[in-house]
């Protein structure tokens, strides 16, 4: 099996983050109940996911400030390894 690039790992992590049960549950509730209002807890969970997605994709893309985001890139790689270990993809 070929070794994945950081960008490929990032895509797998992002897909897994947005496919988690909480996202699917909220999406279903909104689709079924048009007037459904998400809770503060759900907002916090989604905000954390959006923040991680931004950090992981920003750190993976090649740009002038990439050297300043090695912590985000390392966090993405750790998240990828943890998800792979737990067979999330």
PDB file of N, CA and C in Angstrom:
ATOM      1  N   UNK A   1       0.837  -1.181   0.000  1.00  0.00           N
ATOM      2  CA  UNK A   1       0.000   0.000   0.000  1.00  0.00           C
ATOM      3  C   UNK A   1       0.883   1.246   0.000  1.00  0.00           C
ATOM      4  N   UNK A   2       0.502   2.223  -0.836  1.00  0.00           N
ATOM      5  CA  UNK A   2       1.330   3.430  -0.923  1.00  0.00           C
ATOM      6  C   UNK A   2       1.176   4.292   0.324  1.00  0.00           C
ATOM      7  N   UNK A   3       2.215   5.010   0.631  1.00  0.00           N
ATOM      8  CA  UNK A   3       2.213   5.924   1.776  1.00  0.00           C
ATOM      9  C   UNK A   3       1.416   7.170   1.397  1.00  0.00           C
ATOM     10  N   UNK A   4       0.487   7.570   2.248  1.00  0.00           N
ATOM     11  CA  UNK A   4      -0.350   8.728   1.965  1.00  0.00           C
ATOM     12  C   UNK A   4       0.394  10.031   2.223  1.00  0.00           C
ATOM     13  N   UNK A   5       0.108  11.023   1.412  1.00  0.00           N
ATOM     14  CA  UNK A   5       0.661  12.355   1.645  1.00  0.00           C
ATOM     15  C   UNK A   5      -0.097  12.989   2.815  1.00  0.00           C
ATOM     16  N   UNK A   6       0.438  14.084   3.334  1.00  0.00           N
ATOM     17  CA  UNK A   6      -0.254  14.795   4.402  1.00  0.00           C
ATOM     18  C   UNK A   6      -1.627  15.272   3.938  1.00  0.00           C
ATOM     19  N   UNK A   7      -1.712  15.723   2.682  1.00  0.00           N
ATOM     20  CA  UNK A   7      -2.990  16.199   2.146  1.00  0.00           C
ATOM     21  C   UNK A   7      -4.009  15.055   2.081  1.00  0.00           C
ATOM     22  N   UNK A   8      -3.582  13.877   1.686  1.00  0.00           N
ATOM     23  CA  UNK A   8      -4.485  12.724   1.634  1.00  0.00           C
ATOM     24  C   UNK A   8      -4.934  12.320   3.038  1.00  0.00           C
ATOM     25  N   UNK A   9      -4.003  12.352   3.990  1.00  0.00           N
ATOM     26  CA  UNK A   9      -4.372  12.060   5.379  1.00  0.00           C
ATOM     27  C   UNK A   9      -5.376  13.084   5.884  1.00  0.00           C
ATOM     28  N   UNK A  10      -5.136  14.342   5.560  1.00  0.00           N
ATOM     29  CA  UNK A  10      -6.028  15.421   5.991  1.00  0.00           C
ATOM     30  C   UNK A  10      -7.437  15.201   5.435  1.00  0.00           C
ATOM     31  N   UNK A  11      -7.537  14.824   4.181  1.00  0.00           N
ATOM     32  CA  UNK A  11      -8.858  14.570   3.578  1.00  0.00           C
ATOM     33  C   UNK A  11      -9.591  13.459   4.310  1.00  0.00           C
ATOM     34  N   UNK A  12      -8.885  12.411   4.669  1.00  0.00           N
ATOM     35  CA  UNK A  12      -9.503  11.313   5.406  1.00  0.00           C
ATOM     36  C   UNK A  12      -9.982  11.773   6.783  1.00  0.00           C
ATOM     37  N   UNK A  13      -9.172  12.576   7.457  1.00  0.00           N
ATOM     38  CA  UNK A  13      -9.535  13.086   8.786  1.00  0.00           C
ATOM     39  C   UNK A  13     -10.764  13.991   8.681  1.00  0.00           C
ATOM     40  N   UNK A  14     -10.762  14.903   7.727  1.00  0.00           N
ATOM     41  CA  UNK A  14     -11.889  15.823   7.565  1.00  0.00           C
ATOM     42  C   UNK A  14     -13.164  15.045   7.252  1.00  0.00           C
ATOM     43  N   UNK A  15     -13.076  14.093   6.356  1.00  0.00           N
ATOM     44  CA  UNK A  15     -14.250  13.274   6.027  1.00  0.00           C
ATOM     45  C   UNK A  15     -14.772  12.548   7.262  1.00  0.00           C
ATOM     46  N   UNK A  16     -13.874  12.007   8.056  1.00  0.00           N
ATOM     47  CA  UNK A  16     -14.296  11.296   9.270  1.00  0.00           C
ATOM     48  C   UNK A  16     -14.932  12.260  10.278  1.00  0.00           C
ATOM     49  N   UNK A  17     -14.379  13.461  10.405  1.00  0.00           N
ATOM     50  CA  UNK A  17     -14.932  14.444  11.348  1.00  0.00           C
ATOM     51  C   UNK A  17     -16.362  14.830  10.982  1.00  0.00           C
ATOM     52  N   UNK A  18     -16.616  15.062   9.704  1.00  0.00           N
ATOM     53  CA  UNK A  18     -17.954  15.492   9.307  1.00  0.00           C
ATOM     54  C   UNK A  18     -18.924  14.329   9.176  1.00  0.00           C
ATOM     55  N   UNK A  19     -18.416  13.123   9.212  1.00  0.00           N
ATOM     56  CA  UNK A  19     -19.278  11.937   9.122  1.00  0.00           C
ATOM     57  C   UNK A  19     -19.649  11.369  10.483  1.00  0.00           C
ATOM     58  N   UNK A  20     -19.121  11.945  11.541  1.00  0.00           N
ATOM     59  CA  UNK A  20     -19.399  11.411  12.873  1.00  0.00           C
ATOM     60  C   UNK A  20     -20.892  11.509  13.185  1.00  0.00           C
ATOM     61  N   UNK A  21     -21.327  10.666  14.086  1.00  0.00           N
ATOM     62  CA  UNK A  21     -22.745  10.557  14.421  1.00  0.00           C
ATOM     63  C   UNK A  21     -23.390  11.887  14.780  1.00  0.00           C
ATOM     64  N   UNK A  22     -22.705  12.726  15.552  1.00  0.00           N
ATOM     65  CA  UNK A  22     -23.308  13.994  15.977  1.00  0.00           C
ATOM     66  C   UNK A  22     -23.657  14.848  14.765  1.00  0.00           C
ATOM     67  N   UNK A  23     -22.803  14.882  13.765  1.00  0.00           N
ATOM     68  CA  UNK A  23     -23.089  15.668  12.558  1.00  0.00           C
ATOM     69  C   UNK A  23     -24.277  15.082  11.807  1.00  0.00           C
ATOM     70  N   UNK A  24     -24.292  13.773  11.692  1.00  0.00           N
ATOM     71  CA  UNK A  24     -25.397  13.117  11.003  1.00  0.00           C
ATOM     72  C   UNK A  24     -26.716  13.329  11.746  1.00  0.00           C
ATOM     73  N   UNK A  25     -26.680  13.251  13.070  1.00  0.00           N
ATOM     74  CA  UNK A  25     -27.885  13.470  13.881  1.00  0.00           C
ATOM     75  C   UNK A  25     -28.436  14.876  13.691  1.00  0.00           C
ATOM     76  N   UNK A  26     -27.568  15.863  13.762  1.00  0.00           N
ATOM     77  CA  UNK A  26     -28.006  17.254  13.601  1.00  0.00           C
ATOM     78  C   UNK A  26     -28.555  17.476  12.200  1.00  0.00           C
ATOM     79  N   UNK A  27     -27.858  16.970  11.203  1.00  0.00           N
ATOM     80  CA  UNK A  27     -28.306  17.118   9.815  1.00  0.00           C
ATOM     81  C   UNK A  27     -29.695  16.499   9.631  1.00  0.00           C
ATOM     82  N   UNK A  28     -29.903  15.315  10.190  1.00  0.00           N
ATOM     83  CA  UNK A  28     -31.195  14.638  10.077  1.00  0.00           C
ATOM     84  C   UNK A  28     -32.291  15.438  10.777  1.00  0.00           C
ATOM     85  N   UNK A  29     -32.000  15.905  12.004  1.00  0.00           N
ATOM     86  CA  UNK A  29     -33.012  16.665  12.748  1.00  0.00           C
ATOM     87  C   UNK A  29     -33.406  17.942  12.023  1.00  0.00           C
ATOM     88  N   UNK A  30     -32.445  18.607  11.423  1.00  0.00           N
ATOM     89  CA  UNK A  30     -32.738  19.835  10.683  1.00  0.00           C
ATOM     90  C   UNK A  30     -33.537  19.516   9.417  1.00  0.00           C
ATOM     91  N   UNK A  31     -33.183  18.422   8.737  1.00  0.00           N
ATOM     92  CA  UNK A  31     -33.896  18.038   7.520  1.00  0.00           C
ATOM     93  C   UNK A  31     -35.349  17.658   7.814  1.00  0.00           C
ATOM     94  N   UNK A  32     -35.573  16.965   8.909  1.00  0.00           N
ATOM     95  CA  UNK A  32     -36.919  16.495   9.255  1.00  0.00           C
ATOM     96  C   UNK A  32     -37.743  17.592   9.918  1.00  0.00           C
ATOM     97  N   UNK A  33     -37.116  18.326  10.797  1.00  0.00           N
ATOM     98  CA  UNK A  33     -37.811  19.374  11.545  1.00  0.00           C
ATOM     99  C   UNK A  33     -37.237  20.726  11.121  1.00  0.00           C
ATOM    100  N   UNK A  34     -37.840  21.331  10.144  1.00  0.00           N
ATOM    101  CA  UNK A  34     -37.314  22.576   9.556  1.00  0.00           C
ATOM    102  C   UNK A  34     -37.111  23.680  10.589  1.00  0.00           C
ATOM    103  N   UNK A  35     -37.885  23.653  11.681  1.00  0.00           N
ATOM    104  CA  UNK A  35     -37.770  24.690  12.702  1.00  0.00           C
ATOM    105  C   UNK A  35     -36.866  24.269  13.866  1.00  0.00           C
ATOM    106  N   UNK A  36     -36.127  23.156  13.707  1.00  0.00           N
ATOM    107  CA  UNK A  36     -35.243  22.670  14.765  1.00  0.00           C
ATOM    108  C   UNK A  36     -34.139  23.693  15.045  1.00  0.00           C
ATOM    109  N   UNK A  37     -33.954  23.995  16.284  1.00  0.00           N
ATOM    110  CA  UNK A  37     -32.885  24.904  16.710  1.00  0.00           C
ATOM    111  C   UNK A  37     -31.810  24.079  17.407  1.00  0.00           C
ATOM    112  N   UNK A  38     -30.584  24.193  16.927  1.00  0.00           N
ATOM    113  CA  UNK A  38     -29.530  23.408  17.560  1.00  0.00           C
ATOM    114  C   UNK A  38     -29.229  23.965  18.952  1.00  0.00           C
ATOM    115  N   UNK A  39     -28.783  23.078  19.817  1.00  0.00           N
ATOM    116  CA  UNK A  39     -28.522  23.449  21.207  1.00  0.00           C
ATOM    117  C   UNK A  39     -27.139  24.087  21.331  1.00  0.00           C
ATOM    118  N   UNK A  40     -26.905  24.725  22.457  1.00  0.00           N
ATOM    119  CA  UNK A  40     -25.594  25.308  22.732  1.00  0.00           C
ATOM    120  C   UNK A  40     -24.492  24.256  22.712  1.00  0.00           C
ATOM    121  N   UNK A  41     -24.800  23.083  23.231  1.00  0.00           N
ATOM    122  CA  UNK A  41     -23.838  21.979  23.234  1.00  0.00           C
ATOM    123  C   UNK A  41     -23.497  21.565  21.800  1.00  0.00           C
ATOM    124  N   UNK A  42     -24.512  21.468  20.948  1.00  0.00           N
ATOM    125  CA  UNK A  42     -24.275  21.095  19.551  1.00  0.00           C
ATOM    126  C   UNK A  42     -23.456  22.166  18.830  1.00  0.00           C
ATOM    127  N   UNK A  43     -23.747  23.429  19.129  1.00  0.00           N
ATOM    128  CA  UNK A  43     -22.987  24.525  18.526  1.00  0.00           C
ATOM    129  C   UNK A  43     -21.519  24.415  18.914  1.00  0.00           C
ATOM    130  N   UNK A  44     -21.256  24.135  20.178  1.00  0.00           N
ATOM    131  CA  UNK A  44     -19.870  24.007  20.645  1.00  0.00           C
ATOM    132  C   UNK A  44     -19.163  22.835  19.954  1.00  0.00           C
ATOM    133  N   UNK A  45     -19.839  21.698  19.828  1.00  0.00           N
ATOM    134  CA  UNK A  45     -19.247  20.545  19.146  1.00  0.00           C
ATOM    135  C   UNK A  45     -18.939  20.865  17.684  1.00  0.00           C
ATOM    136  N   UNK A  46     -19.895  21.475  17.010  1.00  0.00           N
ATOM    137  CA  UNK A  46     -19.686  21.818  15.606  1.00  0.00           C
ATOM    138  C   UNK A  46     -18.598  22.871  15.443  1.00  0.00           C
ATOM    139  N   UNK A  47     -18.554  23.840  16.341  1.00  0.00           N
ATOM    140  CA  UNK A  47     -17.509  24.856  16.290  1.00  0.00           C
ATOM    141  C   UNK A  47     -16.127  24.221  16.453  1.00  0.00           C
ATOM    142  N   UNK A  48     -15.999  23.268  17.367  1.00  0.00           N
ATOM    143  CA  UNK A  48     -14.718  22.578  17.553  1.00  0.00           C
ATOM    144  C   UNK A  48     -14.320  21.826  16.295  1.00  0.00           C
ATOM    145  N   UNK A  49     -15.292  21.183  15.645  1.00  0.00           N
ATOM    146  CA  UNK A  49     -15.001  20.455  14.403  1.00  0.00           C
ATOM    147  C   UNK A  49     -14.555  21.415  13.304  1.00  0.00           C
ATOM    148  N   UNK A  50     -15.276  22.530  13.157  1.00  0.00           N
ATOM    149  CA  UNK A  50     -14.927  23.510  12.126  1.00  0.00           C
ATOM    150  C   UNK A  50     -13.533  24.077  12.381  1.00  0.00           C
ATOM    151  N   UNK A  51     -13.215  24.341  13.636  1.00  0.00           N
ATOM    152  CA  UNK A  51     -11.886  24.848  13.980  1.00  0.00           C
ATOM    153  C   UNK A  51     -10.815  23.833  13.594  1.00  0.00           C
ATOM    154  N   UNK A  52     -11.029  22.570  13.939  1.00  0.00           N
ATOM    155  CA  UNK A  52     -10.049  21.525  13.587  1.00  0.00           C
ATOM    156  C   UNK A  52      -9.913  21.400  12.076  1.00  0.00           C
ATOM    157  N   UNK A  53     -11.032  21.423  11.362  1.00  0.00           N
ATOM    158  CA  UNK A  53     -10.979  21.314   9.899  1.00  0.00           C
ATOM    159  C   UNK A  53     -10.161  22.471   9.325  1.00  0.00           C
ATOM    160  N   UNK A  54     -10.403  23.676   9.820  1.00  0.00           N
ATOM    161  CA  UNK A  54      -9.622  24.834   9.343  1.00  0.00           C
ATOM    162  C   UNK A  54      -8.135  24.637   9.652  1.00  0.00           C
ATOM    163  N   UNK A  55      -7.809  24.308  10.886  1.00  0.00           N
ATOM    164  CA  UNK A  55      -6.408  24.152  11.277  1.00  0.00           C
ATOM    165  C   UNK A  55      -5.724  23.076  10.447  1.00  0.00           C
ATOM    166  N   UNK A  56      -6.380  21.924  10.296  1.00  0.00           N
ATOM    167  CA  UNK A  56      -5.770  20.808   9.577  1.00  0.00           C
ATOM    168  C   UNK A  56      -5.567  21.143   8.100  1.00  0.00           C
ATOM    169  N   UNK A  57      -6.584  21.736   7.454  1.00  0.00           N
ATOM    170  CA  UNK A  57      -6.437  22.045   6.030  1.00  0.00           C
ATOM    171  C   UNK A  57      -5.453  23.192   5.815  1.00  0.00           C
ATOM    172  N   UNK A  58      -5.482  24.183   6.682  1.00  0.00           N
ATOM    173  CA  UNK A  58      -4.561  25.320   6.558  1.00  0.00           C
ATOM    174  C   UNK A  58      -3.113  24.865   6.744  1.00  0.00           C
ATOM    175  N   UNK A  59      -2.886  24.012   7.711  1.00  0.00           N
ATOM    176  CA  UNK A  59      -1.519  23.545   7.973  1.00  0.00           C
ATOM    177  C   UNK A  59      -1.019  22.602   6.888  1.00  0.00           C
ATOM    178  N   UNK A  60      -1.930  21.934   6.193  1.00  0.00           N
ATOM    179  CA  UNK A  60      -1.546  20.973   5.161  1.00  0.00           C
ATOM    180  C   UNK A  60      -1.258  21.646   3.828  1.00  0.00           C
ATOM    181  N   UNK A  61      -1.956  22.744   3.539  1.00  0.00           N
ATOM    182  CA  UNK A  61      -1.746  23.469   2.275  1.00  0.00           C
ATOM    183  C   UNK A  61      -0.409  24.198   2.297  1.00  0.00           C
ATOM    184  N   UNK A  62       0.213  24.246   1.150  1.00  0.00           N
ATOM    185  CA  UNK A  62       1.515  24.920   1.016  1.00  0.00           C
ATOM    186  C   UNK A  62       1.289  26.420   0.863  1.00  0.00           C
ATOM    187  N   UNK A  63       1.808  27.203   1.788  1.00  0.00           N
ATOM    188  CA  UNK A  63       1.709  28.651   1.722  1.00  0.00           C
ATOM    189  C   UNK A  63       2.810  29.271   2.566  1.00  0.00           C
ATOM    190  N   UNK A  64       2.900  30.580   2.530  1.00  0.00           N
ATOM    191  CA  UNK A  64       4.027  31.268   3.150  1.00  0.00           C
ATOM    192  C   UNK A  64       4.101  31.121   4.669  1.00  0.00           C
ATOM    193  N   UNK A  65       2.980  30.923   5.344  1.00  0.00           N
ATOM    194  CA  UNK A  65       3.014  30.835   6.811  1.00  0.00           C
ATOM    195  C   UNK A  65       2.979  29.392   7.322  1.00  0.00           C
ATOM    196  N   UNK A  66       3.207  28.443   6.438  1.00  0.00           N
ATOM    197  CA  UNK A  66       3.121  27.033   6.830  1.00  0.00           C
ATOM    198  C   UNK A  66       4.086  26.680   7.958  1.00  0.00           C
ATOM    199  N   UNK A  67       5.254  27.271   7.972  1.00  0.00           N
ATOM    200  CA  UNK A  67       6.239  26.960   9.006  1.00  0.00           C
ATOM    201  C   UNK A  67       5.746  27.315  10.405  1.00  0.00           C
ATOM    202  N   UNK A  68       4.791  28.226  10.486  1.00  0.00           N
ATOM    203  CA  UNK A  68       4.265  28.636  11.791  1.00  0.00           C
ATOM    204  C   UNK A  68       3.175  27.701  12.315  1.00  0.00           C
ATOM    205  N   UNK A  69       2.762  26.739  11.484  1.00  0.00           N
ATOM    206  CA  UNK A  69       1.642  25.879  11.850  1.00  0.00           C
ATOM    207  C   UNK A  69       2.026  24.407  11.987  1.00  0.00           C
ATOM    208  N   UNK A  70       3.271  24.162  12.355  1.00  0.00           N
ATOM    209  CA  UNK A  70       3.701  22.763  12.496  1.00  0.00           C
ATOM    210  C   UNK A  70       2.927  22.061  13.611  1.00  0.00           C
ATOM    211  N   UNK A  71       2.493  22.815  14.625  1.00  0.00           N
ATOM    212  CA  UNK A  71       1.709  22.192  15.692  1.00  0.00           C
ATOM    213  C   UNK A  71       0.370  21.698  15.158  1.00  0.00           C
ATOM    214  N   UNK A  72      -0.262  22.465  14.266  1.00  0.00           N
ATOM    215  CA  UNK A  72      -1.528  22.029  13.669  1.00  0.00           C
ATOM    216  C   UNK A  72      -1.300  20.808  12.776  1.00  0.00           C
ATOM    217  N   UNK A  73      -0.212  20.831  12.021  1.00  0.00           N
ATOM    218  CA  UNK A  73       0.090  19.701  11.144  1.00  0.00           C
ATOM    219  C   UNK A  73       0.365  18.447  11.978  1.00  0.00           C
ATOM    220  N   UNK A  74       1.123  18.605  13.046  1.00  0.00           N
ATOM    221  CA  UNK A  74       1.394  17.457  13.924  1.00  0.00           C
ATOM    222  C   UNK A  74       0.117  16.944  14.581  1.00  0.00           C
ATOM    223  N   UNK A  75      -0.791  17.847  14.945  1.00  0.00           N
ATOM    224  CA  UNK A  75      -2.086  17.452  15.520  1.00  0.00           C
ATOM    225  C   UNK A  75      -2.902  16.669  14.500  1.00  0.00           C
ATOM    226  N   UNK A  76      -2.884  17.104  13.225  1.00  0.00           N
ATOM    227  CA  UNK A  76      -3.590  16.380  12.166  1.00  0.00           C
ATOM    228  C   UNK A  76      -3.018  14.978  12.005  1.00  0.00           C
ATOM    229  N   UNK A  77      -1.685  14.871  12.001  1.00  0.00           N
ATOM    230  CA  UNK A  77      -1.041  13.563  11.841  1.00  0.00           C
ATOM    231  C   UNK A  77      -1.370  12.642  13.020  1.00  0.00           C
ATOM    232  N   UNK A  78      -1.409  13.199  14.225  1.00  0.00           N
ATOM    233  CA  UNK A  78      -1.768  12.405  15.401  1.00  0.00           C
ATOM    234  C   UNK A  78      -3.228  11.970  15.323  1.00  0.00           C
ATOM    235  N   UNK A  79      -4.099  12.881  14.924  1.00  0.00           N
ATOM    236  CA  UNK A  79      -5.518  12.551  14.777  1.00  0.00           C
ATOM    237  C   UNK A  79      -5.697  11.461  13.739  1.00  0.00           C
ATOM    238  N   UNK A  80      -4.977  11.565  12.620  1.00  0.00           N
ATOM    239  CA  UNK A  80      -5.033  10.533  11.580  1.00  0.00           C
ATOM    240  C   UNK A  80      -4.606   9.182  12.143  1.00  0.00           C
ATOM    241  N   UNK A  81      -3.491   9.162  12.846  1.00  0.00           N
ATOM    242  CA  UNK A  81      -2.980   7.905  13.410  1.00  0.00           C
ATOM    243  C   UNK A  81      -3.972   7.312  14.416  1.00  0.00           C
ATOM    244  N   UNK A  82      -4.561   8.164  15.257  1.00  0.00           N
ATOM    245  CA  UNK A  82      -5.551   7.685  16.237  1.00  0.00           C
ATOM    246  C   UNK A  82      -6.787   7.125  15.551  1.00  0.00           C
ATOM    247  N   UNK A  83      -7.276   7.820  14.527  1.00  0.00           N
ATOM    248  CA  UNK A  83      -8.467   7.363  13.814  1.00  0.00           C
ATOM    249  C   UNK A  83      -8.189   6.063  13.077  1.00  0.00           C
ATOM    250  N   UNK A  84      -7.005   5.959  12.505  1.00  0.00           N
ATOM    251  CA  UNK A  84      -6.635   4.730  11.780  1.00  0.00           C
ATOM    252  C   UNK A  84      -6.540   3.571  12.775  1.00  0.00           C
ATOM    253  N   UNK A  85      -5.944   3.837  13.916  1.00  0.00           N
ATOM    254  CA  UNK A  85      -5.788   2.807  14.956  1.00  0.00           C
ATOM    255  C   UNK A  85      -7.158   2.314  15.431  1.00  0.00           C
ATOM    256  N   UNK A  86      -8.116   3.236  15.534  1.00  0.00           N
ATOM    257  CA  UNK A  86      -9.465   2.879  16.009  1.00  0.00           C
ATOM    258  C   UNK A  86     -10.397   2.497  14.851  1.00  0.00           C
ATOM    259  N   UNK A  87      -9.794   2.315  13.669  1.00  0.00           N
ATOM    260  CA  UNK A  87     -10.512   1.852  12.480  1.00  0.00           C
ATOM    261  C   UNK A  87     -11.692   2.741  12.105  1.00  0.00           C
ATOM    262  N   UNK A  88     -11.486   4.040  12.209  1.00  0.00           N
ATOM    263  CA  UNK A  88     -12.535   4.982  11.823  1.00  0.00           C
ATOM    264  C   UNK A  88     -12.568   5.199  10.323  1.00  0.00           C
ATOM    265  N   UNK A  89     -11.550   4.682   9.622  1.00  0.00           N
ATOM    266  CA  UNK A  89     -11.535   4.650   8.159  1.00  0.00           C
ATOM    267  C   UNK A  89     -10.590   3.554   7.723  1.00  0.00           C
TER     268      UNK A  89
END
